[in-house]
Amino acid sequence: MSSNGRSFAILAPDKNVNYGRQELPSARDGQIRDLLLGVTEEVGFDRIKNLMPRYADQVLSAFAERAASIAVRHQDARELRAGLLAAAIANSITGDEREALPALALLHRAAEMIGNDPRLEFSSVYEIWGGREGALAKFLRRSPEDKTIEAMGYEEGDDKRGFRFFRNW
């Protein structure tokens, strides 16, 4: 996996127009998942942040939301982990920490729905980054009602292919 910046070009917003609205899963979902899962093994957190294209946080947030639905649909912890990595990176490069909250709520709920402990899932990604991405730890400290998908404007449903989280606002 290249860490010289070329691999991260797929996260540029102009290469992902209407990405969030595409059917699940899409080819781009797999590309982003594989990129994130691959680079975390060879590139440090600060280096990844520095290699991100401008406004990649928007694409990463969309991916994190999509990954939560895909994880539930396929009962796949790997998709969940990729979504958490995306949310952590997006939070670290965005100007507004609140941007990551909706995706974190979806990923928390997805972990519950596939039978995994959300605390362990969030903690494992937090540890990958050496405890440097605090949004994951902060989210876990929220009250139970403030972690719900409903509090973030989402609901559970089905599209024509299976399970999907939907915005309700």
Protein backbone atom coordinates (compact mmCIF):
# COMPACT_ATOMS: atom_id res chain seq x y z
CA MET A 1 0.00 0.00 0.00
CA SER A 2 1.50 3.28 -1.06
CA SER A 3 1.82 5.94 1.59
CA ASN A 4 3.17 8.67 -0.67
CA GLY A 5 -0.20 10.31 -1.17
CA ARG A 6 -1.26 8.73 -4.44
CA SER A 7 -3.40 6.09 -2.73
CA PHE A 8 -5.25 8.72 -0.77
CA ALA A 9 -6.29 10.59 -3.92
CA ILE A 10 -9.42 8.41 -4.03
CA LEU A 11 -10.60 10.37 -0.97
CA ALA A 12 -10.78 13.69 -2.80
CA PRO A 13 -14.36 15.00 -2.86
CA ASP A 14 -14.28 15.69 -6.61
CA LYS A 15 -13.68 11.96 -7.17
CA ASN A 16 -16.68 11.04 -5.01
CA VAL A 17 -19.58 13.16 -6.23
CA ASN A 18 -22.86 11.67 -4.87
CA TYR A 19 -20.89 8.87 -3.21
CA GLY A 20 -23.05 8.89 -0.08
CA ARG A 21 -26.20 8.22 -2.10
CA GLN A 22 -24.86 5.26 -4.08
CA GLU A 23 -26.25 1.78 -3.56
CA LEU A 24 -24.56 -0.34 -0.92
CA PRO A 25 -21.98 -1.66 -1.33
CA SER A 26 -20.22 0.15 -4.14
CA ALA A 27 -16.82 -0.41 -5.68
CA ARG A 28 -15.64 2.79 -3.96
CA ASP A 29 -16.64 1.36 -0.56
CA GLY A 30 -14.30 -1.57 -1.11
CA GLN A 31 -11.48 0.67 -2.32
CA ILE A 32 -11.70 2.94 0.72
CA ARG A 33 -12.04 0.00 3.12
CA ASP A 34 -8.98 -1.73 1.70
CA LEU A 35 -6.98 1.49 1.72
CA LEU A 36 -7.76 2.25 5.36
CA LEU A 37 -7.24 -1.28 6.63
CA GLY A 38 -3.98 -1.55 4.69
CA VAL A 39 -2.35 1.73 5.63
CA THR A 40 -3.01 1.51 9.35
CA GLU A 41 -0.50 -1.32 9.49
CA GLU A 42 2.32 0.62 7.85
CA VAL A 43 1.72 4.34 8.32
CA GLY A 44 1.46 6.30 11.56
CA PHE A 45 -1.53 8.44 12.45
CA ASP A 46 0.19 11.80 11.94
CA ARG A 47 1.52 10.71 8.55
CA ILE A 48 -1.94 9.58 7.42
CA LYS A 49 -3.44 12.91 8.46
CA ASN A 50 -0.78 14.77 6.46
CA LEU A 51 -1.39 12.66 3.33
CA MET A 52 -5.12 13.33 3.18
CA PRO A 53 -6.43 15.42 0.27
CA ARG A 54 -8.23 18.63 1.12
CA TYR A 55 -11.74 17.97 2.46
CA ALA A 56 -11.15 14.21 2.63
CA ASP A 57 -13.00 14.34 5.94
CA GLN A 58 -16.27 14.67 4.01
CA VAL A 59 -15.62 11.49 2.02
CA LEU A 60 -14.36 9.64 5.09
CA SER A 61 -17.48 10.62 7.05
CA ALA A 62 -19.71 9.40 4.22
CA PHE A 63 -17.73 6.16 4.09
CA ALA A 64 -18.02 5.70 7.89
CA GLU A 65 -21.80 6.03 7.66
CA ARG A 66 -21.95 3.61 4.74
CA ALA A 67 -19.58 1.16 6.45
CA ALA A 68 -21.93 0.99 9.46
CA SER A 69 -24.78 -0.14 7.21
CA ILE A 70 -22.56 -2.57 5.31
CA ALA A 71 -21.26 -4.06 8.57
CA VAL A 72 -24.81 -4.81 9.68
CA ARG A 73 -25.93 -6.02 6.28
CA HIS A 74 -23.03 -8.49 6.02
CA GLN A 75 -22.49 -9.08 9.76
CA ASP A 76 -18.87 -8.08 9.17
CA ALA A 77 -16.62 -6.67 11.88
CA ARG A 78 -14.00 -5.77 9.27
CA GLU A 79 -16.38 -3.23 7.72
CA LEU A 80 -17.08 -1.87 11.18
CA ARG A 81 -13.36 -1.46 11.87
CA ALA A 82 -12.82 0.37 8.57
CA GLY A 83 -15.70 2.69 9.40
CA LEU A 84 -14.21 3.47 12.80
CA LEU A 85 -10.83 4.18 11.23
CA ALA A 86 -12.48 6.52 8.72
CA ALA A 87 -14.43 8.33 11.44
CA ALA A 88 -11.29 8.76 13.55
CA ILE A 89 -9.28 10.17 10.64
CA ALA A 90 -12.16 12.40 9.54
CA ASN A 91 -12.47 13.78 13.04
CA SER A 92 -8.76 14.48 13.27
CA ILE A 93 -8.69 16.52 10.05
CA THR A 94 -12.02 18.34 10.28
CA GLY A 95 -12.42 21.78 11.73
CA ASP A 96 -15.50 20.74 13.71
CA GLU A 97 -15.42 17.78 16.07
CA ARG A 98 -19.23 17.49 15.91
CA GLU A 99 -18.98 16.31 12.29
CA ALA A 100 -17.93 12.81 13.42
CA LEU A 101 -20.74 12.28 15.93
CA PRO A 102 -23.42 10.93 13.55
CA ALA A 103 -21.08 8.32 12.07
CA LEU A 104 -19.88 7.30 15.53
CA ALA A 105 -23.47 6.74 16.65
CA LEU A 106 -24.10 4.56 13.59
CA LEU A 107 -20.91 2.59 14.14
CA HIS A 108 -21.76 2.13 17.82
CA ARG A 109 -25.19 0.78 16.90
CA ALA A 110 -23.74 -1.38 14.13
CA ALA A 111 -21.36 -2.99 16.62
CA GLU A 112 -24.33 -3.84 18.84
CA MET A 113 -26.30 -5.22 15.92
CA ILE A 114 -23.54 -7.59 14.79
CA GLY A 115 -23.03 -8.80 18.36
CA ASN A 116 -19.74 -7.04 19.10
CA ASP A 117 -19.03 -4.93 22.16
CA PRO A 118 -18.94 -1.29 20.96
CA ARG A 119 -16.50 -0.37 23.75
CA LEU A 120 -14.01 -2.99 22.58
CA GLU A 121 -14.39 -1.99 18.93
CA PHE A 122 -13.92 1.73 19.64
CA SER A 123 -11.05 1.03 22.06
CA SER A 124 -9.19 -1.15 19.57
CA VAL A 125 -9.15 1.66 16.98
CA TYR A 126 -8.29 4.20 19.67
CA GLU A 127 -5.28 2.03 20.57
CA ILE A 128 -4.21 1.65 16.92
CA TRP A 129 -3.71 5.42 16.92
CA GLY A 130 -1.83 5.28 20.21
CA GLY A 131 -4.62 7.06 22.05
CA ARG A 132 -4.22 10.17 19.89
CA GLU A 133 -7.71 10.36 18.43
CA GLY A 134 -9.87 11.32 21.39
CA ALA A 135 -13.24 11.49 19.61
CA LEU A 136 -13.71 7.75 19.99
CA ALA A 137 -13.06 7.83 23.73
CA LYS A 138 -15.22 10.96 24.15
CA PHE A 139 -18.09 9.33 22.32
CA LEU A 140 -18.03 6.33 24.66
CA ARG A 141 -18.32 8.69 27.65
CA ARG A 142 -21.56 10.20 26.34
CA SER A 143 -24.80 9.30 28.09
CA PRO A 144 -26.63 6.30 26.60
CA GLU A 145 -29.36 8.54 25.17
CA ASP A 146 -26.76 10.78 23.51
CA LYS A 147 -25.21 7.78 21.72
CA THR A 148 -28.37 6.71 19.95
CA ILE A 149 -28.81 6.97 16.23
CA GLU A 150 -32.11 8.73 16.83
CA ALA A 151 -30.31 11.51 18.72
CA MET A 152 -28.16 11.98 15.61
CA GLY A 153 -31.09 12.06 13.18
CA TYR A 154 -30.98 8.49 11.86
CA GLU A 155 -33.17 5.44 11.86
CA GLU A 156 -32.82 1.80 10.89
CA GLY A 157 -34.45 0.57 7.71
CA ASP A 158 -34.09 -1.36 4.49
CA ASP A 159 -33.33 -0.25 0.97
CA LYS A 160 -34.11 -2.54 -1.95
CA ARG A 161 -30.99 -4.64 -1.21
CA GLY A 162 -31.05 -4.97 2.59
CA PHE A 163 -30.38 -3.19 5.83
CA ARG A 164 -29.39 0.49 5.79
CA PHE A 165 -29.26 3.40 8.21
CA PHE A 166 -31.24 6.38 6.92
CA ARG A 167 -31.23 10.05 7.85
CA ASN A 168 -34.64 11.13 9.08
CA TRP A 169 -34.19 14.87 8.75
